[in-house]
């Protein structure tokens, strides 16, 4: 079982609840531990020269800075998913991770469904969402974000709700970014997640479900996912967005 440690006695009961919820194969050989304290749930690497813990924080830090100064609807991700005056598509983020991109899109007014299949990462995200709901400033944003834990491929193939207008994918890829943040998260998550070997099926399932478009985020120099060629590519300094349109989003006006 993944150990969940309370950082203060007052969090012991909550830590035990998380422990029972996250009955997983032991990562003791991975040297990982979940900690619960005043700042919420966090994942820590116990190995030598380990980076600091990873937690989800939508209220302060990088998320708050991007919300206030990130460029609004002029951001490349906003253009990729089709945000336009009067158009705020409902979006399924099928590879939610720590929810950063989903939070940006929810900030811009999109209704978001997030799927994360790795239970520990989903727990970090759930904890971050729960804590963020207590902040009146961003509560309306968080209320536009719904988290589902499970396998995105299976969930999309057996979807029973109204199909999402846009599906957003950011499959795990062997990152070569040398920034401290990426290095820290990759060091923690790769033993749990690995690479997305089923990215082809993920894209195929998304294309079958989305009503208007599928967007795939990739490292700038990475190959496209095998399958159909994207009709449009938006390229930035370190990443790009491969866009697979099915129907014009202007039909939503």
C-alpha atoms as a PDB file:
ATOM      1  CA  UNK A   1       0.000   0.000   0.000  1.00  0.00           C
ATOM      2  CA  UNK A   2       1.158   3.556  -0.634  1.00  0.00           C
ATOM      3  CA  UNK A   3       1.913   4.995   2.793  1.00  0.00           C
ATOM      4  CA  UNK A   4      -0.065   8.118   3.671  1.00  0.00           C
ATOM      5  CA  UNK A   5       1.546  10.093   6.468  1.00  0.00           C
ATOM      6  CA  UNK A   6      -0.124  12.815   8.514  1.00  0.00           C
ATOM      7  CA  UNK A   7       2.262  15.723   9.004  1.00  0.00           C
ATOM      8  CA  UNK A   8       0.398  16.778  12.160  1.00  0.00           C
ATOM      9  CA  UNK A   9      -1.756  14.735  14.576  1.00  0.00           C
ATOM     10  CA  UNK A  10      -4.898  16.652  13.578  1.00  0.00           C
ATOM     11  CA  UNK A  11      -4.640  15.192  10.062  1.00  0.00           C
ATOM     12  CA  UNK A  12      -4.316  11.575  11.182  1.00  0.00           C
ATOM     13  CA  UNK A  13      -7.969  10.657  10.583  1.00  0.00           C
ATOM     14  CA  UNK A  14      -7.954  12.188   7.087  1.00  0.00           C
ATOM     15  CA  UNK A  15      -4.692  10.439   6.286  1.00  0.00           C
ATOM     16  CA  UNK A  16      -6.233   7.093   7.239  1.00  0.00           C
ATOM     17  CA  UNK A  17      -9.203   7.850   4.984  1.00  0.00           C
ATOM     18  CA  UNK A  18      -6.885   8.502   2.041  1.00  0.00           C
ATOM     19  CA  UNK A  19      -4.967   5.323   2.870  1.00  0.00           C
ATOM     20  CA  UNK A  20      -8.135   3.252   2.653  1.00  0.00           C
ATOM     21  CA  UNK A  21      -9.238   4.964  -0.569  1.00  0.00           C
ATOM     22  CA  UNK A  22      -5.901   4.380  -2.290  1.00  0.00           C
ATOM     23  CA  UNK A  23      -5.378   0.668  -1.970  1.00  0.00           C
ATOM     24  CA  UNK A  24      -2.608   0.288  -4.522  1.00  0.00           C
ATOM     25  CA  UNK A  25       0.317  -2.007  -5.286  1.00  0.00           C
ATOM     26  CA  UNK A  26       3.163  -1.085  -2.964  1.00  0.00           C
ATOM     27  CA  UNK A  27       5.538   1.592  -4.286  1.00  0.00           C
ATOM     28  CA  UNK A  28       8.035   0.965  -1.505  1.00  0.00           C
ATOM     29  CA  UNK A  29      10.587   0.061  -4.174  1.00  0.00           C
ATOM     30  CA  UNK A  30       9.749   3.407  -5.786  1.00  0.00           C
ATOM     31  CA  UNK A  31      10.489   5.326  -2.585  1.00  0.00           C
ATOM     32  CA  UNK A  32       7.299   7.415  -2.698  1.00  0.00           C
ATOM     33  CA  UNK A  33       5.057   8.607   0.095  1.00  0.00           C
ATOM     34  CA  UNK A  34       1.857  10.641   0.303  1.00  0.00           C
ATOM     35  CA  UNK A  35       1.781  13.283   3.015  1.00  0.00           C
ATOM     36  CA  UNK A  36      -1.236  15.156   4.354  1.00  0.00           C
ATOM     37  CA  UNK A  37      -0.929  18.449   6.154  1.00  0.00           C
ATOM     38  CA  UNK A  38      -2.161  22.017   6.289  1.00  0.00           C
ATOM     39  CA  UNK A  39      -1.281  22.576   2.625  1.00  0.00           C
ATOM     40  CA  UNK A  40      -3.181  19.487   1.515  1.00  0.00           C
ATOM     41  CA  UNK A  41      -2.170  16.151   0.022  1.00  0.00           C
ATOM     42  CA  UNK A  42       1.303  15.926  -1.491  1.00  0.00           C
ATOM     43  CA  UNK A  43       3.502  13.282  -3.067  1.00  0.00           C
ATOM     44  CA  UNK A  44       7.133  13.089  -2.020  1.00  0.00           C
ATOM     45  CA  UNK A  45      10.153  11.175  -3.299  1.00  0.00           C
ATOM     46  CA  UNK A  46      12.178   9.786  -0.393  1.00  0.00           C
ATOM     47  CA  UNK A  47      15.263   9.008  -2.468  1.00  0.00           C
ATOM     48  CA  UNK A  48      18.645  10.751  -2.275  1.00  0.00           C
ATOM     49  CA  UNK A  49      18.742  14.260  -3.753  1.00  0.00           C
ATOM     50  CA  UNK A  50      14.966  14.073  -4.098  1.00  0.00           C
ATOM     51  CA  UNK A  51      13.105  17.194  -5.257  1.00  0.00           C
ATOM     52  CA  UNK A  52      10.448  18.786  -3.118  1.00  0.00           C
ATOM     53  CA  UNK A  53       6.899  17.432  -2.873  1.00  0.00           C
ATOM     54  CA  UNK A  54       4.261  17.853  -5.576  1.00  0.00           C
ATOM     55  CA  UNK A  55       0.785  19.067  -4.705  1.00  0.00           C
ATOM     56  CA  UNK A  56      -2.070  20.694  -6.608  1.00  0.00           C
ATOM     57  CA  UNK A  57      -2.670  24.360  -5.801  1.00  0.00           C
ATOM     58  CA  UNK A  58      -5.120  26.332  -7.900  1.00  0.00           C
ATOM     59  CA  UNK A  59      -5.340  29.244  -5.450  1.00  0.00           C
ATOM     60  CA  UNK A  60      -1.755  30.478  -5.282  1.00  0.00           C
ATOM     61  CA  UNK A  61       1.543  30.090  -7.090  1.00  0.00           C
ATOM     62  CA  UNK A  62       1.842  29.383 -10.809  1.00  0.00           C
ATOM     63  CA  UNK A  63      -1.882  28.747 -11.330  1.00  0.00           C
ATOM     64  CA  UNK A  64      -2.827  32.095  -9.796  1.00  0.00           C
ATOM     65  CA  UNK A  65      -0.178  33.919 -11.803  1.00  0.00           C
ATOM     66  CA  UNK A  66      -1.341  32.387 -15.069  1.00  0.00           C
ATOM     67  CA  UNK A  67      -4.981  33.087 -14.229  1.00  0.00           C
ATOM     68  CA  UNK A  68      -4.193  36.765 -13.722  1.00  0.00           C
ATOM     69  CA  UNK A  69      -1.448  37.363 -16.275  1.00  0.00           C
ATOM     70  CA  UNK A  70      -1.518  34.407 -18.680  1.00  0.00           C
ATOM     71  CA  UNK A  71      -2.991  36.201 -21.667  1.00  0.00           C
ATOM     72  CA  UNK A  72      -6.636  35.177 -21.452  1.00  0.00           C
ATOM     73  CA  UNK A  73      -8.247  33.971 -24.662  1.00  0.00           C
ATOM     74  CA  UNK A  74      -5.121  34.968 -26.577  1.00  0.00           C
ATOM     75  CA  UNK A  75      -3.250  31.954 -25.207  1.00  0.00           C
ATOM     76  CA  UNK A  76      -2.319  29.267 -27.709  1.00  0.00           C
ATOM     77  CA  UNK A  77      -4.274  26.611 -25.798  1.00  0.00           C
ATOM     78  CA  UNK A  78      -7.405  28.776 -26.035  1.00  0.00           C
ATOM     79  CA  UNK A  79      -6.996  29.082 -29.797  1.00  0.00           C
ATOM     80  CA  UNK A  80      -6.352  25.350 -30.094  1.00  0.00           C
ATOM     81  CA  UNK A  81      -9.618  24.323 -28.426  1.00  0.00           C
ATOM     82  CA  UNK A  82     -11.551  26.890 -30.438  1.00  0.00           C
ATOM     83  CA  UNK A  83     -12.369  29.598 -27.909  1.00  0.00           C
ATOM     84  CA  UNK A  84     -13.783  32.570 -29.799  1.00  0.00           C
ATOM     85  CA  UNK A  85     -16.091  35.475 -28.960  1.00  0.00           C
ATOM     86  CA  UNK A  86     -19.346  33.848 -27.896  1.00  0.00           C
ATOM     87  CA  UNK A  87     -17.925  30.314 -28.090  1.00  0.00           C
ATOM     88  CA  UNK A  88     -16.889  28.404 -24.975  1.00  0.00           C
ATOM     89  CA  UNK A  89     -17.022  24.703 -25.872  1.00  0.00           C
ATOM     90  CA  UNK A  90     -17.581  22.008 -23.286  1.00  0.00           C
ATOM     91  CA  UNK A  91     -14.335  20.072 -23.124  1.00  0.00           C
ATOM     92  CA  UNK A  92     -13.247  16.631 -22.006  1.00  0.00           C
ATOM     93  CA  UNK A  93      -9.638  16.624 -20.793  1.00  0.00           C
ATOM     94  CA  UNK A  94      -8.989  12.893 -21.059  1.00  0.00           C
ATOM     95  CA  UNK A  95      -5.442  13.042 -19.653  1.00  0.00           C
ATOM     96  CA  UNK A  96      -5.950  15.503 -16.811  1.00  0.00           C
ATOM     97  CA  UNK A  97      -2.748  14.990 -14.807  1.00  0.00           C
ATOM     98  CA  UNK A  98      -2.534  17.767 -12.230  1.00  0.00           C
ATOM     99  CA  UNK A  99      -5.281  19.732 -13.984  1.00  0.00           C
ATOM    100  CA  UNK A 100      -3.260  22.772 -15.016  1.00  0.00           C
ATOM    101  CA  UNK A 101      -4.506  23.032 -18.593  1.00  0.00           C
ATOM    102  CA  UNK A 102      -8.065  22.219 -17.527  1.00  0.00           C
ATOM    103  CA  UNK A 103      -7.909  25.027 -14.956  1.00  0.00           C
ATOM    104  CA  UNK A 104      -6.776  27.491 -17.621  1.00  0.00           C
ATOM    105  CA  UNK A 105      -9.684  26.513 -19.868  1.00  0.00           C
ATOM    106  CA  UNK A 106     -12.171  26.624 -16.983  1.00  0.00           C
ATOM    107  CA  UNK A 107     -10.837  30.096 -16.115  1.00  0.00           C
ATOM    108  CA  UNK A 108     -11.703  31.147 -19.649  1.00  0.00           C
ATOM    109  CA  UNK A 109     -15.286  29.926 -19.179  1.00  0.00           C
ATOM    110  CA  UNK A 110     -15.265  26.377 -20.547  1.00  0.00           C
ATOM    111  CA  UNK A 111     -17.129  23.575 -18.824  1.00  0.00           C
ATOM    112  CA  UNK A 112     -14.540  20.869 -18.144  1.00  0.00           C
ATOM    113  CA  UNK A 113     -14.708  17.137 -17.478  1.00  0.00           C
ATOM    114  CA  UNK A 114     -11.355  15.759 -16.339  1.00  0.00           C
ATOM    115  CA  UNK A 115     -10.336  12.106 -16.533  1.00  0.00           C
ATOM    116  CA  UNK A 116      -7.251  10.818 -14.724  1.00  0.00           C
ATOM    117  CA  UNK A 117      -6.544   7.096 -14.644  1.00  0.00           C
ATOM    118  CA  UNK A 118      -3.620   7.005 -12.177  1.00  0.00           C
ATOM    119  CA  UNK A 119      -5.270   6.902  -8.713  1.00  0.00           C
ATOM    120  CA  UNK A 120      -2.500   8.728  -6.838  1.00  0.00           C
ATOM    121  CA  UNK A 121      -2.414  11.592  -9.342  1.00  0.00           C
ATOM    122  CA  UNK A 122      -6.222  11.672  -9.322  1.00  0.00           C
ATOM    123  CA  UNK A 123      -6.097  11.909  -5.511  1.00  0.00           C
ATOM    124  CA  UNK A 124      -3.731  14.896  -5.665  1.00  0.00           C
ATOM    125  CA  UNK A 125      -6.052  16.554  -8.180  1.00  0.00           C
ATOM    126  CA  UNK A 126      -9.194  15.798  -6.160  1.00  0.00           C
ATOM    127  CA  UNK A 127      -7.578  17.251  -3.051  1.00  0.00           C
ATOM    128  CA  UNK A 128      -6.563  20.397  -4.941  1.00  0.00           C
ATOM    129  CA  UNK A 129     -10.075  20.865  -6.300  1.00  0.00           C
ATOM    130  CA  UNK A 130     -11.653  20.372  -2.879  1.00  0.00           C
ATOM    131  CA  UNK A 131      -9.356  22.937  -1.263  1.00  0.00           C
ATOM    132  CA  UNK A 132      -9.842  25.430  -4.105  1.00  0.00           C
ATOM    133  CA  UNK A 133     -13.614  25.311  -3.616  1.00  0.00           C
ATOM    134  CA  UNK A 134     -13.062  27.073  -0.301  1.00  0.00           C
ATOM    135  CA  UNK A 135     -11.653  30.132  -2.092  1.00  0.00           C
ATOM    136  CA  UNK A 136     -14.445  32.501  -3.055  1.00  0.00           C
ATOM    137  CA  UNK A 137     -12.259  34.103  -5.730  1.00  0.00           C
ATOM    138  CA  UNK A 138     -11.956  30.969  -7.818  1.00  0.00           C
ATOM    139  CA  UNK A 139     -14.925  28.918  -6.629  1.00  0.00           C
ATOM    140  CA  UNK A 140     -16.902  29.653  -9.838  1.00  0.00           C
ATOM    141  CA  UNK A 141     -13.954  28.360 -11.895  1.00  0.00           C
ATOM    142  CA  UNK A 142     -13.623  25.151  -9.882  1.00  0.00           C
ATOM    143  CA  UNK A 143     -17.359  24.541 -10.184  1.00  0.00           C
ATOM    144  CA  UNK A 144     -16.818  24.249 -13.941  1.00  0.00           C
ATOM    145  CA  UNK A 145     -14.397  21.342 -13.371  1.00  0.00           C
ATOM    146  CA  UNK A 146     -15.637  17.776 -12.818  1.00  0.00           C
ATOM    147  CA  UNK A 147     -13.154  14.991 -12.072  1.00  0.00           C
ATOM    148  CA  UNK A 148     -13.637  11.350 -13.045  1.00  0.00           C
ATOM    149  CA  UNK A 149     -11.100   8.690 -12.049  1.00  0.00           C
ATOM    150  CA  UNK A 150     -10.772   5.859 -14.551  1.00  0.00           C
ATOM    151  CA  UNK A 151      -9.389   4.699 -17.877  1.00  0.00           C
ATOM    152  CA  UNK A 152     -10.143   7.381 -20.448  1.00  0.00           C
ATOM    153  CA  UNK A 153     -10.215   4.940 -23.375  1.00  0.00           C
ATOM    154  CA  UNK A 154     -12.826   2.729 -21.754  1.00  0.00           C
ATOM    155  CA  UNK A 155     -14.838   5.709 -20.516  1.00  0.00           C
ATOM    156  CA  UNK A 156     -14.882   7.318 -23.966  1.00  0.00           C
ATOM    157  CA  UNK A 157     -15.803   4.059 -25.687  1.00  0.00           C
ATOM    158  CA  UNK A 158     -18.768   3.596 -23.338  1.00  0.00           C
ATOM    159  CA  UNK A 159     -19.772   7.267 -23.031  1.00  0.00           C
ATOM    160  CA  UNK A 160     -23.433   7.654 -22.038  1.00  0.00           C
ATOM    161  CA  UNK A 161     -23.662  11.432 -21.710  1.00  0.00           C
ATOM    162  CA  UNK A 162     -23.909  14.127 -24.375  1.00  0.00           C
ATOM    163  CA  UNK A 163     -20.640  13.906 -26.336  1.00  0.00           C
ATOM    164  CA  UNK A 164     -18.101  16.600 -25.471  1.00  0.00           C
ATOM    165  CA  UNK A 165     -17.663  19.200 -28.164  1.00  0.00           C
ATOM    166  CA  UNK A 166     -13.876  19.162 -27.787  1.00  0.00           C
ATOM    167  CA  UNK A 167     -11.593  16.450 -26.416  1.00  0.00           C
ATOM    168  CA  UNK A 168      -8.154  17.526 -25.212  1.00  0.00           C
ATOM    169  CA  UNK A 169      -5.288  15.034 -24.950  1.00  0.00           C
ATOM    170  CA  UNK A 170      -1.810  15.446 -23.491  1.00  0.00           C
ATOM    171  CA  UNK A 171      -0.369  11.905 -23.441  1.00  0.00           C
ATOM    172  CA  UNK A 172       2.750  11.239 -21.380  1.00  0.00           C
ATOM    173  CA  UNK A 173       5.844  11.615 -23.532  1.00  0.00           C
ATOM    174  CA  UNK A 174       9.571  11.262 -22.760  1.00  0.00           C
ATOM    175  CA  UNK A 175      10.111  14.942 -21.900  1.00  0.00           C
ATOM    176  CA  UNK A 176      13.491  16.478 -22.490  1.00  0.00           C
ATOM    177  CA  UNK A 177      12.581  19.805 -20.906  1.00  0.00           C
ATOM    178  CA  UNK A 178      15.243  20.642 -18.334  1.00  0.00           C
ATOM    179  CA  UNK A 179      13.165  22.991 -16.177  1.00  0.00           C
ATOM    180  CA  UNK A 180      13.148  22.157 -12.481  1.00  0.00           C
ATOM    181  CA  UNK A 181       9.347  21.807 -12.403  1.00  0.00           C
ATOM    182  CA  UNK A 182       9.202  19.279 -15.209  1.00  0.00           C
ATOM    183  CA  UNK A 183      12.127  17.323 -13.827  1.00  0.00           C
ATOM    184  CA  UNK A 184      10.524  17.144 -10.388  1.00  0.00           C
ATOM    185  CA  UNK A 185       7.141  15.975 -11.607  1.00  0.00           C
ATOM    186  CA  UNK A 186       8.555  13.521 -14.135  1.00  0.00           C
ATOM    187  CA  UNK A 187      10.783  11.987 -11.472  1.00  0.00           C
ATOM    188  CA  UNK A 188       7.775  11.440  -9.247  1.00  0.00           C
ATOM    189  CA  UNK A 189       5.224  10.388 -11.854  1.00  0.00           C
ATOM    190  CA  UNK A 190       7.127   8.218 -14.292  1.00  0.00           C
ATOM    191  CA  UNK A 191       7.448   5.257 -11.874  1.00  0.00           C
ATOM    192  CA  UNK A 192       3.660   5.427 -11.415  1.00  0.00           C
ATOM    193  CA  UNK A 193       2.538   6.261 -14.940  1.00  0.00           C
ATOM    194  CA  UNK A 194       5.236   5.408 -17.481  1.00  0.00           C
ATOM    195  CA  UNK A 195       4.700   6.540 -21.072  1.00  0.00           C
ATOM    196  CA  UNK A 196       1.286   6.376 -22.728  1.00  0.00           C
ATOM    197  CA  UNK A 197       1.794   3.283 -24.857  1.00  0.00           C
ATOM    198  CA  UNK A 198      -1.887   3.386 -25.820  1.00  0.00           C
ATOM    199  CA  UNK A 199      -1.835   6.917 -27.250  1.00  0.00           C
ATOM    200  CA  UNK A 200      -2.979   5.642 -30.658  1.00  0.00           C
ATOM    201  CA  UNK A 201      -6.106   4.068 -29.160  1.00  0.00           C
ATOM    202  CA  UNK A 202      -6.608   7.157 -26.998  1.00  0.00           C
ATOM    203  CA  UNK A 203      -6.699   9.375 -30.092  1.00  0.00           C
ATOM    204  CA  UNK A 204      -8.884   6.912 -31.979  1.00  0.00           C
ATOM    205  CA  UNK A 205     -11.429   6.834 -29.131  1.00  0.00           C
ATOM    206  CA  UNK A 206     -11.398  10.622 -28.841  1.00  0.00           C
ATOM    207  CA  UNK A 207     -12.003  11.091 -32.560  1.00  0.00           C
ATOM    208  CA  UNK A 208     -14.951   8.709 -32.392  1.00  0.00           C
ATOM    209  CA  UNK A 209     -16.553  10.597 -29.488  1.00  0.00           C
ATOM    210  CA  UNK A 210     -15.895  14.334 -29.887  1.00  0.00           C
ATOM    211  CA  UNK A 211     -18.599  16.201 -31.741  1.00  0.00           C
ATOM    212  CA  UNK A 212     -16.469  19.092 -33.037  1.00  0.00           C
ATOM    213  CA  UNK A 213     -12.711  18.610 -32.593  1.00  0.00           C
ATOM    214  CA  UNK A 214      -9.863  16.794 -30.892  1.00  0.00           C
ATOM    215  CA  UNK A 215      -6.733  18.616 -29.746  1.00  0.00           C
ATOM    216  CA  UNK A 216      -3.472  16.851 -28.886  1.00  0.00           C
ATOM    217  CA  UNK A 217      -0.697  18.639 -27.007  1.00  0.00           C
ATOM    218  CA  UNK A 218       2.799  17.428 -27.919  1.00  0.00           C
ATOM    219  CA  UNK A 219       6.394  18.484 -27.334  1.00  0.00           C
ATOM    220  CA  UNK A 220       7.267  20.754 -30.272  1.00  0.00           C
ATOM    221  CA  UNK A 221       9.607  18.298 -32.000  1.00  0.00           C
ATOM    222  CA  UNK A 222       7.752  15.097 -31.115  1.00  0.00           C
ATOM    223  CA  UNK A 223       6.135  13.046 -33.889  1.00  0.00           C
ATOM    224  CA  UNK A 224       2.381  13.109 -34.305  1.00  0.00           C
ATOM    225  CA  UNK A 225       0.447  10.226 -32.818  1.00  0.00           C
ATOM    226  CA  UNK A 226       0.094   7.521 -35.456  1.00  0.00           C
ATOM    227  CA  UNK A 227      -3.180   7.750 -37.316  1.00  0.00           C
ATOM    228  CA  UNK A 228      -4.898  10.605 -39.138  1.00  0.00           C
ATOM    229  CA  UNK A 229      -2.802  13.659 -39.940  1.00  0.00           C
ATOM    230  CA  UNK A 230      -3.864  16.770 -37.996  1.00  0.00           C
ATOM    231  CA  UNK A 231      -5.483  19.390 -40.217  1.00  0.00           C
ATOM    232  CA  UNK A 232      -3.990  22.276 -38.240  1.00  0.00           C
ATOM    233  CA  UNK A 233      -0.930  22.674 -36.028  1.00  0.00           C
ATOM    234  CA  UNK A 234      -0.241  25.530 -33.614  1.00  0.00           C
ATOM    235  CA  UNK A 235       3.414  25.596 -32.616  1.00  0.00           C
ATOM    236  CA  UNK A 236       5.035  27.364 -29.682  1.00  0.00           C
ATOM    237  CA  UNK A 237       8.554  27.469 -28.265  1.00  0.00           C
ATOM    238  CA  UNK A 238       8.457  24.122 -26.471  1.00  0.00           C
ATOM    239  CA  UNK A 239       5.121  22.532 -27.338  1.00  0.00           C
ATOM    240  CA  UNK A 240       2.549  22.419 -30.071  1.00  0.00           C
ATOM    241  CA  UNK A 241      -1.133  21.578 -30.549  1.00  0.00           C
ATOM    242  CA  UNK A 242      -2.215  19.096 -33.227  1.00  0.00           C
ATOM    243  CA  UNK A 243      -5.820  19.843 -34.138  1.00  0.00           C
ATOM    244  CA  UNK A 244      -8.264  17.359 -35.667  1.00  0.00           C
ATOM    245  CA  UNK A 245     -11.466  19.247 -36.605  1.00  0.00           C
ATOM    246  CA  UNK A 246     -14.687  17.381 -37.231  1.00  0.00           C
ATOM    247  CA  UNK A 247     -17.194  20.207 -37.378  1.00  0.00           C
ATOM    248  CA  UNK A 248     -16.990  24.006 -37.186  1.00  0.00           C
ATOM    249  CA  UNK A 249     -17.361  25.385 -33.658  1.00  0.00           C
ATOM    250  CA  UNK A 250     -19.199  28.343 -35.151  1.00  0.00           C
ATOM    251  CA  UNK A 251     -22.237  26.094 -35.253  1.00  0.00           C
ATOM    252  CA  UNK A 252     -22.387  26.687 -31.478  1.00  0.00           C
ATOM    253  CA  UNK A 253     -23.200  30.377 -31.961  1.00  0.00           C
END
